[in-house]
């Protein structure tokens, strides 16, 4: 489906019927990273998998894309679908958007899953690195720099060639303008630790044991920040459990949806 928000065309794939579940993708990916998960959950739920502004099949505008702006896009999309409340599953960047949405529209969130995501804002060093990468992408008008820098950190060393190829194929559906604007928006995002304690809905934090970007200690800290959270650690998984262990991710999400 397509929804126009502020004269910008946004895309989402919608499957199944039942209670709504929104799947928000990470960077530098698109809704297609969720294909296996969406197909499994659509047997019982109405699954909405958007392409975030400027990514995949969604149109872009001038950046940076603030997380609050992306949360507003999601609210408009849910309105167009007639969905008042939903479970939101946010992967990495998608987790940042999910948290911004929960800050702005907490009554619309029935459950929350953060997959390979975090609460803290970027350090000055990480924010500077994001802006530098955005500059390189724009200078060369190509996404190769983003893929070469981002993708190797997303997968466990033992990931198969098929998994690696799939991740790169999906990431290549993006364009330089959208990726640069998203990088700058991530660098500007707010710390979400201040609201975690106020979000009383069921929460599941899902992390990969081999994720180089999110340590076991940080995963525990994220789960501990919420009053009603569970932590699921997936073995032999880095940052992309939907490709590296789709069955394990599905079990974790079904556990959340049963709460």
Protein backbone atom coordinates (compact mmCIF):
# COMPACT_ATOMS: atom_id res chain seq x y z
CA UNK A 1 0.00 0.00 0.00
CA UNK A 2 1.00 3.63 -0.48
CA UNK A 3 0.22 6.54 1.85
CA UNK A 4 0.96 10.20 1.12
CA UNK A 5 2.33 12.12 4.12
CA UNK A 6 3.30 15.77 3.64
CA UNK A 7 3.11 15.22 -0.13
CA UNK A 8 5.60 12.36 0.20
CA UNK A 9 4.66 8.86 -0.95
CA UNK A 10 5.37 6.15 1.64
CA UNK A 11 5.16 2.41 1.02
CA UNK A 12 4.24 -0.49 3.29
CA UNK A 13 3.55 -4.14 2.64
CA UNK A 14 0.46 -5.38 4.50
CA UNK A 15 -0.27 -9.07 4.99
CA UNK A 16 -2.77 -11.15 6.96
CA UNK A 17 -5.66 -10.34 9.28
CA UNK A 18 -6.03 -9.99 13.04
CA UNK A 19 -4.35 -7.82 15.65
CA UNK A 20 -1.82 -5.47 14.07
CA UNK A 21 1.94 -5.99 14.20
CA UNK A 22 4.28 -3.37 12.71
CA UNK A 23 7.78 -4.40 11.64
CA UNK A 24 10.27 -1.50 11.32
CA UNK A 25 13.51 -2.24 9.47
CA UNK A 26 17.04 -1.15 10.33
CA UNK A 27 19.78 0.66 8.41
CA UNK A 28 20.73 0.33 5.54
CA UNK A 29 17.85 -2.05 4.79
CA UNK A 30 14.21 -2.09 3.64
CA UNK A 31 10.98 -3.82 4.64
CA UNK A 32 12.12 -6.90 2.70
CA UNK A 33 14.48 -7.84 5.55
CA UNK A 34 11.29 -8.98 7.33
CA UNK A 35 9.92 -11.25 4.58
CA UNK A 36 10.30 -14.52 6.49
CA UNK A 37 9.06 -13.03 9.77
CA UNK A 38 6.11 -11.28 8.11
CA UNK A 39 5.00 -14.43 6.30
CA UNK A 40 5.09 -16.43 9.53
CA UNK A 41 3.21 -13.87 11.63
CA UNK A 42 0.65 -13.13 8.91
CA UNK A 43 -0.90 -16.56 9.55
CA UNK A 44 -2.51 -15.01 12.65
CA UNK A 45 -1.86 -11.25 12.61
CA UNK A 46 -2.21 -8.24 10.36
CA UNK A 47 1.43 -7.47 9.61
CA UNK A 48 2.48 -4.01 8.40
CA UNK A 49 6.07 -3.69 7.13
CA UNK A 50 6.84 -0.13 5.97
CA UNK A 51 9.80 1.26 4.14
CA UNK A 52 10.92 4.22 6.24
CA UNK A 53 11.01 7.65 4.62
CA UNK A 54 13.65 7.83 1.87
CA UNK A 55 14.36 4.09 1.95
CA UNK A 56 13.25 1.23 -0.29
CA UNK A 57 10.06 2.09 -2.17
CA UNK A 58 9.20 5.10 0.01
CA UNK A 59 9.79 8.57 -1.30
CA UNK A 60 12.31 10.87 0.30
CA UNK A 61 12.40 14.50 1.29
CA UNK A 62 15.16 16.84 2.37
CA UNK A 63 16.92 15.47 5.45
CA UNK A 64 17.94 14.89 8.11
CA UNK A 65 15.16 12.43 8.95
CA UNK A 66 14.45 12.91 12.63
CA UNK A 67 13.10 9.91 14.53
CA UNK A 68 10.05 11.96 15.53
CA UNK A 69 9.33 12.68 11.85
CA UNK A 70 9.53 8.96 11.06
CA UNK A 71 7.23 8.22 14.01
CA UNK A 72 4.75 10.72 12.58
CA UNK A 73 4.94 8.92 9.23
CA UNK A 74 4.03 5.69 11.00
CA UNK A 75 1.11 7.31 12.81
CA UNK A 76 -0.27 8.59 9.50
CA UNK A 77 0.14 5.14 7.95
CA UNK A 78 -1.70 3.48 10.84
CA UNK A 79 -4.48 6.05 10.54
CA UNK A 80 -4.83 5.24 6.83
CA UNK A 81 -5.10 1.54 7.70
CA UNK A 82 -7.63 2.15 10.46
CA UNK A 83 -5.27 0.77 13.12
CA UNK A 84 -5.61 2.41 16.53
CA UNK A 85 -3.24 0.20 18.59
CA UNK A 86 -0.49 -2.14 17.51
CA UNK A 87 2.49 -4.19 18.55
CA UNK A 88 5.64 -2.51 17.22
CA UNK A 89 8.80 -4.46 16.44
CA UNK A 90 11.78 -2.22 15.74
CA UNK A 91 15.09 -3.48 14.43
CA UNK A 92 18.13 -1.27 15.13
CA UNK A 93 17.14 2.04 13.46
CA UNK A 94 13.57 0.76 13.54
CA UNK A 95 13.91 0.48 17.31
CA UNK A 96 14.82 4.16 17.51
CA UNK A 97 11.69 4.98 15.52
CA UNK A 98 9.60 2.67 17.72
CA UNK A 99 10.83 4.45 20.84
CA UNK A 100 10.08 7.86 19.33
CA UNK A 101 6.60 6.59 18.46
CA UNK A 102 6.09 5.31 22.00
CA UNK A 103 7.19 8.69 23.38
CA UNK A 104 4.67 10.49 21.18
CA UNK A 105 1.81 7.98 21.01
CA UNK A 106 2.26 5.58 23.93
CA UNK A 107 -1.48 4.77 24.09
CA UNK A 108 -1.24 3.32 20.58
CA UNK A 109 1.47 0.77 21.50
CA UNK A 110 0.11 -2.50 22.90
CA UNK A 111 3.50 -4.28 22.94
CA UNK A 112 7.04 -3.35 21.99
CA UNK A 113 9.99 -5.39 20.73
CA UNK A 114 13.46 -3.94 20.32
CA UNK A 115 15.61 -6.13 18.08
CA UNK A 116 19.35 -5.42 18.10
CA UNK A 117 18.58 -1.86 19.18
CA UNK A 118 19.50 0.45 22.04
CA UNK A 119 18.21 3.26 24.23
CA UNK A 120 21.22 5.55 24.39
CA UNK A 121 21.89 8.35 21.94
CA UNK A 122 25.01 8.35 19.80
CA UNK A 123 28.26 9.38 21.41
CA UNK A 124 29.87 12.42 19.77
CA UNK A 125 32.31 10.06 18.04
CA UNK A 126 29.59 7.81 16.60
CA UNK A 127 27.51 10.80 15.52
CA UNK A 128 30.53 12.30 13.76
CA UNK A 129 31.19 8.99 12.00
CA UNK A 130 27.59 8.89 10.76
CA UNK A 131 27.84 12.42 9.38
CA UNK A 132 31.18 11.64 7.71
CA UNK A 133 29.70 8.56 6.04
CA UNK A 134 26.72 10.63 4.88
CA UNK A 135 29.13 13.14 3.35
CA UNK A 136 31.00 10.37 1.49
CA UNK A 137 27.77 8.89 0.16
CA UNK A 138 26.67 12.26 -1.18
CA UNK A 139 30.10 13.10 -2.58
CA UNK A 140 30.15 9.92 -4.67
CA UNK A 141 26.37 9.76 -5.24
CA UNK A 142 26.58 6.04 -4.48
CA UNK A 143 25.62 3.71 -1.66
CA UNK A 144 28.66 1.43 -1.87
CA UNK A 145 30.42 3.28 0.96
CA UNK A 146 27.47 2.74 3.29
CA UNK A 147 27.16 -0.93 2.42
CA UNK A 148 30.88 -1.63 2.70
CA UNK A 149 31.03 0.06 6.10
CA UNK A 150 27.74 -1.15 7.55
CA UNK A 151 27.04 -4.67 6.30
CA UNK A 152 30.16 -6.52 7.57
CA UNK A 153 29.31 -5.44 11.13
CA UNK A 154 25.76 -6.74 10.90
CA UNK A 155 26.48 -10.44 10.42
CA UNK A 156 28.15 -13.08 12.57
CA UNK A 157 31.45 -14.47 11.24
CA UNK A 158 29.80 -17.84 10.58
CA UNK A 159 26.95 -16.42 8.51
CA UNK A 160 26.51 -18.17 5.18
CA UNK A 161 27.21 -16.62 1.82
CA UNK A 162 23.51 -16.80 1.04
CA UNK A 163 22.67 -14.73 4.11
CA UNK A 164 25.35 -12.17 3.28
CA UNK A 165 24.17 -11.92 -0.33
CA UNK A 166 20.57 -11.51 0.77
CA UNK A 167 21.44 -8.65 3.11
CA UNK A 168 23.39 -6.84 0.41
CA UNK A 169 20.68 -7.37 -2.20
CA UNK A 170 18.07 -5.85 0.10
CA UNK A 171 20.34 -2.95 1.07
CA UNK A 172 20.98 -2.13 -2.59
CA UNK A 173 17.30 -1.17 -2.97
CA UNK A 174 18.17 2.11 -1.26
CA UNK A 175 19.45 5.37 -2.76
CA UNK A 176 22.25 7.74 -1.71
CA UNK A 177 20.00 10.67 -0.78
CA UNK A 178 17.83 8.63 1.56
CA UNK A 179 20.74 6.87 3.25
CA UNK A 180 22.59 10.13 3.87
CA UNK A 181 19.50 11.80 5.30
CA UNK A 182 18.85 8.80 7.56
CA UNK A 183 22.42 8.76 8.85
CA UNK A 184 22.18 12.41 9.82
CA UNK A 185 18.85 11.82 11.52
CA UNK A 186 20.20 8.91 13.57
CA UNK A 187 23.08 11.11 14.70
CA UNK A 188 20.59 13.63 16.08
CA UNK A 189 18.28 11.24 17.91
CA UNK A 190 17.42 11.69 21.59
CA UNK A 191 18.40 9.33 24.37
CA UNK A 192 15.36 7.20 25.26
CA UNK A 193 16.34 6.08 28.76
CA UNK A 194 14.18 8.83 30.22
CA UNK A 195 10.95 7.26 28.93
CA UNK A 196 11.73 3.54 29.24
CA UNK A 197 10.60 3.38 32.87
CA UNK A 198 7.24 4.93 31.93
CA UNK A 199 6.43 2.40 29.20
CA UNK A 200 4.43 -0.26 31.03
CA UNK A 201 3.34 -2.37 28.03
CA UNK A 202 4.95 -5.81 27.57
CA UNK A 203 8.43 -5.40 26.07
CA UNK A 204 10.82 -7.96 24.60
CA UNK A 205 14.46 -7.08 23.99
CA UNK A 206 16.08 -9.39 21.43
CA UNK A 207 19.84 -9.39 20.96
CA UNK A 208 22.45 -11.50 19.20
CA UNK A 209 25.23 -13.04 21.27
CA UNK A 210 27.72 -12.20 18.49
CA UNK A 211 26.57 -8.63 17.82
CA UNK A 212 29.74 -6.50 17.92
CA UNK A 213 27.76 -3.31 18.43
CA UNK A 214 25.56 -4.30 21.38
CA UNK A 215 27.22 -6.14 24.25
CA UNK A 216 25.49 -8.60 26.57
CA UNK A 217 25.77 -6.00 29.32
CA UNK A 218 24.03 -3.35 27.22
CA UNK A 219 21.27 -5.78 26.19
CA UNK A 220 20.60 -6.51 29.87
CA UNK A 221 20.61 -2.78 30.64
CA UNK A 222 18.04 -2.11 27.91
CA UNK A 223 15.72 -4.81 29.25
CA UNK A 224 16.22 -3.68 32.85
CA UNK A 225 15.19 -0.13 31.93
CA UNK A 226 11.57 -1.19 31.28
CA UNK A 227 9.19 -2.26 34.08
CA UNK A 228 7.73 -5.18 32.09
CA UNK A 229 10.49 -6.50 29.83
CA UNK A 230 12.00 -9.84 28.92
CA UNK A 231 15.42 -10.38 27.33
CA UNK A 232 15.98 -13.00 24.62
CA UNK A 233 19.56 -13.70 23.55
CA UNK A 234 20.03 -15.59 20.28
CA UNK A 235 23.14 -17.74 19.81
CA UNK A 236 25.28 -17.53 16.65
CA UNK A 237 23.51 -14.28 15.74
CA UNK A 238 24.97 -10.80 15.31
CA UNK A 239 22.75 -7.90 14.20
CA UNK A 240 20.35 -9.53 11.72
CA UNK A 241 18.40 -12.28 13.49
CA UNK A 242 15.65 -12.17 10.86
CA UNK A 243 18.22 -13.63 8.42
CA UNK A 244 20.60 -15.42 10.79
CA UNK A 245 18.00 -17.17 12.98
CA UNK A 246 14.49 -16.47 11.68
CA UNK A 247 12.99 -19.33 13.69
CA UNK A 248 14.50 -18.03 16.94
CA UNK A 249 13.28 -14.52 16.23
CA UNK A 250 9.80 -15.79 15.40
CA UNK A 251 9.64 -17.72 18.70
CA UNK A 252 10.64 -14.61 20.62
CA UNK A 253 8.00 -12.47 18.88
CA UNK A 254 5.27 -15.07 19.35
CA UNK A 255 6.18 -15.12 23.02
CA UNK A 256 5.71 -11.36 23.18
CA UNK A 257 2.41 -11.53 21.28
CA UNK A 258 1.12 -14.10 23.77
CA UNK A 259 1.70 -11.73 26.71
